[in-house]
Each structure stands twice: as C-alpha cells, then as structure tokens.
Amino acid sequence: MLIFAQSFIQNFQKVFINNDNWKYLSKGFSTTLKVTLFAFLIGLVLGIILAVIRISHKDLKPSWATPSGFILNLLNKIASIYITIIRGTPTTIQLLIMFNVILIGLDNLRLVAIITFGLNSAAYMAEIFRSGIQAVSQGEKEAARSLGLSYLQTMQKITLPQAFKNCLPAFGNEVITLFKETSISGFIGLIDLTRGANILVSNTFQAALPYFAAALIYLIVVFGLERLFNLVEKRYLHA
C-alpha cells in the first residue's frame, strides 16, 4: 500500500505539478465554461424565437396571400428546415463545417465553438419550448383573448411564463448535454477541458490521471447543475 501511495504521488506530481501542467486543465475548464455559457444564451434566445414562430403558424394558420401571412409562413418553413437539419446531423460535423467552410476566415476558435454549439442548442431548445407552450391550457389562452389581449400579448404574459415552468426538467437536461458536448471542441484545435487532458497525456505519456481528472471535473459540474435545476424546479413548480 505504501509503495502504491508513493507511486501515485510521484505520478501526480509528474502529471500535474511539474512545469505547471495543471494549468492546461484549469484553462481548458475555463474555456469549456465560457463556451457553454454563451452558447446556452444563444440557444435560449434563438430557441424561444423558433418555438414562437412555429406555434404562431400553427395557431394563426396564416394565408400566403397577405404580407404578414407570407412572412410568417416563410419563417415557419425556414425554422422547420433549420431544426430538421440541425437535429439530423452530428454536432461534430456541424462544428467542422462551421470551422472549415462557413467561418473559415474567423481566427477566434472560441467564437467558432460558441456559435456552433449555440446554433445547435437552439434547435433542441425550440422543440423543448414548443412542447412547453403546447402544454399550456387552451382555456387560459382563450380567456386571455376574451379579455381583450392580442395574440402576442397572450403569448408574452400568459403562455410563455407557464411554458417556461413546463419545460424546466427538459431545459436542465439540455444545459447538461450542451456542457458535455463542448468536449468535441478539440476537433478544431480549441483547448477546452478534454483537449487540455489530451495535452497532458502527450506531454507526460500518462493517460490515466489526466483523463480521470477531466472526467471527475465533468462529473462534479454535471452533479452541481442537476442539483441546481432540481432546486429551481422545486421553487417554481411549487410556488
């Protein structure tokens, strides 16, 4: 046991302490958090917009003959195609296309990752919010309309607040999935947490400690996010 402990300490020092190797994990973790946060904000805003477009199209059944109807029909088609493409293709391929084709002139790897994961998350957020909106009682919507609220006012003041509460569990799962999906950022050379662990393996020729350390960090953050969303769910759903 003593020999094992001494060996572990020596390997730990070689992998993490020597040459400040731990900084690869700390900087990578910082990058992972930033990419997750900003991608989440993009996905949240764009996801709500996409969900509202699709639900509005279903509720209002606009005609192509009117200008407003034409615009809403066109936006619904674009939203539907966008969601189908994003959900039907691997995130890795989307990241590589964004890096090598669409944003090929952009030197900021972190921004490329943020945009890619944000756009990816938006498609899933849209479906989450759409299901949340559909779960709102039709009677409440009709009551709001009978009181003189417009469709948009009803959506803003009655439907969306309740839809947000309805989709909190799925919403939390999407945030956790997004956090873990950022681990593929290394495909474009971005030094995130996973890439930082890979660099440690290359520098020290020790695979176990770097990978287990990265896995432990992911596990701790995911556990923290789960607890956080459970608390939020209890507070909102029982308010």
Protein backbone atom coordinates (compact mmCIF):
# COMPACT_ATOMS: atom_id res chain seq x y z
CA MET A 1 0.00 0.00 0.00
CA LEU A 2 2.85 2.37 0.88
CA ILE A 3 4.58 1.68 -2.41
CA PHE A 4 1.35 2.33 -4.29
CA ALA A 5 0.84 5.62 -2.46
CA GLN A 6 4.39 6.75 -3.21
CA SER A 7 3.99 5.80 -6.87
CA PHE A 8 0.70 7.68 -7.08
CA ILE A 9 2.21 10.82 -5.54
CA GLN A 10 5.15 10.70 -7.94
CA ASN A 11 2.86 10.29 -10.94
CA PHE A 12 0.55 13.03 -9.68
CA GLN A 13 3.49 15.42 -9.35
CA LYS A 14 4.79 14.49 -12.79
CA VAL A 15 1.41 14.90 -14.49
CA PHE A 16 0.00 17.97 -12.73
CA ILE A 17 2.69 19.79 -10.75
CA ASN A 18 5.80 19.71 -12.92
CA ASN A 19 6.01 22.57 -15.43
CA ASP A 20 2.66 23.83 -14.13
CA ASN A 21 0.88 21.19 -16.18
CA TRP A 22 -2.30 21.69 -14.13
CA LYS A 23 -2.81 24.98 -15.99
CA TYR A 24 -3.81 23.05 -19.12
CA LEU A 25 -6.79 21.65 -17.22
CA SER A 26 -7.65 24.91 -15.47
CA LYS A 27 -7.52 26.98 -18.66
CA GLY A 28 -9.35 24.27 -20.57
CA PHE A 29 -12.05 24.15 -17.92
CA SER A 30 -12.41 27.93 -18.07
CA THR A 31 -12.83 27.74 -21.84
CA THR A 32 -15.42 24.97 -21.51
CA LEU A 33 -17.48 27.03 -19.07
CA LYS A 34 -17.35 30.15 -21.27
CA VAL A 35 -18.33 28.24 -24.41
CA THR A 36 -21.19 26.55 -22.56
CA LEU A 37 -22.48 29.79 -21.05
CA PHE A 38 -22.52 31.88 -24.22
CA ALA A 39 -23.75 29.00 -26.39
CA PHE A 40 -26.56 28.48 -23.88
CA LEU A 41 -27.59 32.14 -24.14
CA ILE A 42 -27.65 31.96 -27.94
CA GLY A 43 -29.61 28.70 -27.87
CA LEU A 44 -32.08 30.05 -25.33
CA VAL A 45 -32.93 33.25 -27.22
CA LEU A 46 -33.00 31.69 -30.68
CA GLY A 47 -34.85 28.63 -29.40
CA ILE A 48 -37.66 30.78 -27.97
CA ILE A 49 -37.93 32.71 -31.26
CA LEU A 50 -38.11 29.49 -33.31
CA ALA A 51 -40.70 27.97 -30.97
CA VAL A 52 -42.90 31.08 -31.09
CA ILE A 53 -42.72 31.15 -34.90
CA ARG A 54 -43.81 27.51 -35.20
CA ILE A 55 -46.58 27.77 -32.61
CA SER A 56 -47.86 31.05 -34.08
CA HIS A 57 -48.01 29.46 -37.51
CA LYS A 58 -49.98 26.53 -36.13
CA ASP A 59 -52.41 28.72 -34.18
CA LEU A 60 -52.98 31.52 -36.68
CA LYS A 61 -52.92 29.43 -39.89
CA PRO A 62 -51.81 32.45 -41.97
CA SER A 63 -52.50 32.83 -45.68
CA TRP A 64 -49.72 33.23 -48.21
CA ALA A 65 -51.85 35.93 -49.87
CA THR A 66 -51.31 38.55 -47.14
CA PRO A 67 -47.92 40.19 -46.43
CA SER A 68 -47.90 39.20 -42.75
CA GLY A 69 -49.10 35.71 -43.59
CA PHE A 70 -46.43 35.33 -46.27
CA ILE A 71 -43.70 36.35 -43.83
CA LEU A 72 -44.94 34.02 -41.08
CA ASN A 73 -45.29 31.10 -43.50
CA LEU A 74 -41.79 31.74 -44.84
CA LEU A 75 -40.30 31.99 -41.35
CA ASN A 76 -42.03 28.77 -40.36
CA LYS A 77 -40.58 26.96 -43.37
CA ILE A 78 -37.10 28.24 -42.57
CA ALA A 79 -37.47 27.29 -38.89
CA SER A 80 -38.71 23.80 -39.76
CA ILE A 81 -35.86 23.15 -42.22
CA TYR A 82 -33.30 24.54 -39.78
CA ILE A 83 -34.46 22.36 -36.90
CA THR A 84 -34.59 19.27 -39.12
CA ILE A 85 -31.04 19.79 -40.41
CA ILE A 86 -29.52 20.57 -37.02
CA ARG A 87 -31.21 17.68 -35.24
CA GLY A 88 -30.48 15.29 -38.09
CA THR A 89 -26.72 15.82 -38.33
CA PRO A 90 -23.93 15.13 -35.79
CA THR A 91 -22.66 18.06 -33.76
CA THR A 92 -19.08 17.16 -34.70
CA ILE A 93 -19.86 17.56 -38.41
CA GLN A 94 -21.57 20.89 -37.73
CA LEU A 95 -18.50 22.09 -35.85
CA LEU A 96 -16.15 21.04 -38.65
CA ILE A 97 -18.34 22.63 -41.33
CA MET A 98 -18.55 25.85 -39.34
CA PHE A 99 -14.77 25.92 -38.84
CA ASN A 100 -13.63 24.79 -42.30
CA VAL A 101 -16.37 26.25 -44.52
CA ILE A 102 -18.72 28.87 -43.08
CA LEU A 103 -16.41 30.66 -40.64
CA ILE A 104 -13.15 29.76 -42.34
CA GLY A 105 -11.85 33.34 -42.11
CA LEU A 106 -12.53 33.65 -38.37
CA ASP A 107 -9.39 33.16 -36.27
CA ASN A 108 -11.20 33.08 -32.90
CA LEU A 109 -11.66 29.36 -32.19
CA ARG A 110 -13.68 30.03 -29.04
CA LEU A 111 -16.15 32.15 -31.00
CA VAL A 112 -16.48 29.44 -33.65
CA ALA A 113 -17.34 26.92 -30.92
CA ILE A 114 -19.79 29.29 -29.23
CA ILE A 115 -21.65 29.97 -32.48
CA THR A 116 -21.74 26.29 -33.45
CA PHE A 117 -22.97 24.99 -30.11
CA GLY A 118 -25.37 27.92 -29.75
CA LEU A 119 -26.99 27.23 -33.10
CA ASN A 120 -27.08 23.51 -32.33
CA SER A 121 -28.68 24.03 -28.94
CA ALA A 122 -31.26 26.42 -30.42
CA ALA A 123 -32.85 23.61 -32.44
CA TYR A 124 -33.33 21.46 -29.36
CA MET A 125 -34.39 24.41 -27.21
CA ALA A 126 -37.02 25.25 -29.83
CA GLU A 127 -38.61 21.82 -29.55
CA ILE A 128 -38.45 21.95 -25.76
CA PHE A 129 -40.20 25.33 -25.65
CA ARG A 130 -42.70 24.27 -28.31
CA SER A 131 -43.77 21.30 -26.20
CA GLY A 132 -43.93 23.57 -23.15
CA ILE A 133 -46.16 26.04 -24.98
CA GLN A 134 -48.46 23.28 -26.20
CA ALA A 135 -48.85 22.05 -22.62
CA VAL A 136 -50.41 25.36 -21.55
CA SER A 137 -54.17 25.08 -21.12
CA GLN A 138 -56.11 26.22 -24.17
CA GLY A 139 -58.81 27.59 -21.85
CA GLU A 140 -56.36 30.06 -20.30
CA LYS A 141 -55.33 31.30 -23.74
CA GLU A 142 -58.95 31.75 -24.79
CA ALA A 143 -59.76 33.53 -21.52
CA ALA A 144 -56.92 35.97 -22.11
CA ARG A 145 -58.11 36.66 -25.64
CA SER A 146 -61.67 37.21 -24.41
CA LEU A 147 -60.35 39.85 -22.00
CA GLY A 148 -59.03 41.84 -24.94
CA LEU A 149 -55.40 40.68 -25.08
CA SER A 150 -53.93 40.27 -28.54
CA TYR A 151 -52.30 37.02 -29.63
CA LEU A 152 -48.81 38.41 -28.96
CA GLN A 153 -49.85 39.81 -25.56
CA THR A 154 -51.34 36.46 -24.61
CA MET A 155 -48.16 34.73 -25.70
CA GLN A 156 -45.99 37.14 -23.72
CA LYS A 157 -47.99 37.42 -20.50
CA ILE A 158 -49.80 34.08 -20.22
CA THR A 159 -48.31 31.38 -22.43
CA LEU A 160 -44.53 31.83 -22.24
CA PRO A 161 -44.25 32.15 -18.43
CA GLN A 162 -46.20 28.91 -17.96
CA ALA A 163 -44.36 27.21 -20.83
CA PHE A 164 -41.06 28.03 -19.15
CA LYS A 165 -42.20 26.24 -15.99
CA ASN A 166 -43.48 23.27 -18.01
CA CYS A 167 -40.16 22.66 -19.74
CA LEU A 168 -37.79 23.19 -16.79
CA PRO A 169 -36.82 19.47 -16.46
CA ALA A 170 -36.03 19.13 -20.18
CA PHE A 171 -34.38 22.54 -20.11
CA GLY A 172 -31.95 21.37 -17.41
CA ASN A 173 -31.12 18.23 -19.38
CA GLU A 174 -30.31 20.33 -22.44
CA VAL A 175 -27.91 22.55 -20.48
CA ILE A 176 -26.10 19.48 -19.13
CA THR A 177 -25.96 17.92 -22.60
CA LEU A 178 -24.57 21.16 -24.01
CA PHE A 179 -21.86 21.28 -21.33
CA LYS A 180 -20.73 17.74 -22.16
CA GLU A 181 -20.97 18.25 -25.93
CA THR A 182 -18.37 21.01 -25.79
CA SER A 183 -15.82 18.25 -25.23
CA ILE A 184 -15.53 17.90 -29.02
CA SER A 185 -14.14 21.43 -29.34
CA GLY A 186 -10.66 19.93 -29.64
CA PHE A 187 -11.53 18.84 -33.18
CA ILE A 188 -10.90 22.43 -34.29
CA GLY A 189 -7.86 22.92 -32.03
CA LEU A 190 -9.61 24.76 -29.19
CA ILE A 191 -8.03 23.92 -25.84
CA ASP A 192 -11.03 23.02 -23.74
CA LEU A 193 -11.06 20.67 -20.76
CA THR A 194 -10.83 17.48 -22.83
CA ARG A 195 -8.15 18.92 -25.09
CA GLY A 196 -6.21 20.02 -22.03
CA ALA A 197 -6.24 16.43 -20.75
CA ASN A 198 -5.02 15.22 -24.15
CA ILE A 199 -2.11 17.67 -24.00
CA LEU A 200 -1.13 16.35 -20.57
CA VAL A 201 -1.15 12.81 -21.93
CA SER A 202 1.10 13.86 -24.82
CA ASN A 203 3.49 15.72 -22.51
CA THR A 204 3.75 13.12 -19.74
CA PHE A 205 2.90 9.84 -21.50
CA GLN A 206 0.50 9.18 -18.62
CA ALA A 207 -3.10 8.62 -19.68
CA ALA A 208 -4.94 7.57 -16.53
CA LEU A 209 -4.57 10.62 -14.31
CA PRO A 210 -5.33 13.32 -16.93
CA TYR A 211 -8.41 11.54 -18.26
CA PHE A 212 -9.74 10.61 -14.83
CA ALA A 213 -9.16 14.18 -13.65
CA ALA A 214 -11.10 15.57 -16.63
CA ALA A 215 -13.88 13.02 -16.10
CA LEU A 216 -14.07 13.95 -12.41
CA ILE A 217 -14.39 17.66 -13.24
CA TYR A 218 -17.19 16.95 -15.74
CA LEU A 219 -18.93 14.75 -13.17
CA ILE A 220 -18.73 17.38 -10.42
CA VAL A 221 -20.11 20.13 -12.66
CA VAL A 222 -22.92 17.94 -14.01
CA PHE A 223 -23.84 16.90 -10.45
CA GLY A 224 -23.88 20.57 -9.44
CA LEU A 225 -26.07 21.51 -12.40
CA GLU A 226 -28.50 18.70 -11.61
CA ARG A 227 -28.83 19.89 -8.01
CA LEU A 228 -29.24 23.49 -9.15
CA PHE A 229 -32.03 22.68 -11.61
CA ASN A 230 -33.74 20.44 -9.06
CA LEU A 231 -33.84 23.37 -6.65
CA VAL A 232 -35.14 25.70 -9.37
CA GLU A 233 -37.83 23.17 -10.34
CA LYS A 234 -39.00 22.79 -6.73
CA ARG A 235 -39.13 26.54 -6.25
CA TYR A 236 -41.01 27.32 -9.47
CA LEU A 237 -43.29 24.31 -9.65
CA HIS A 238 -44.38 24.62 -6.04
CA ALA A 239 -44.56 28.41 -5.93
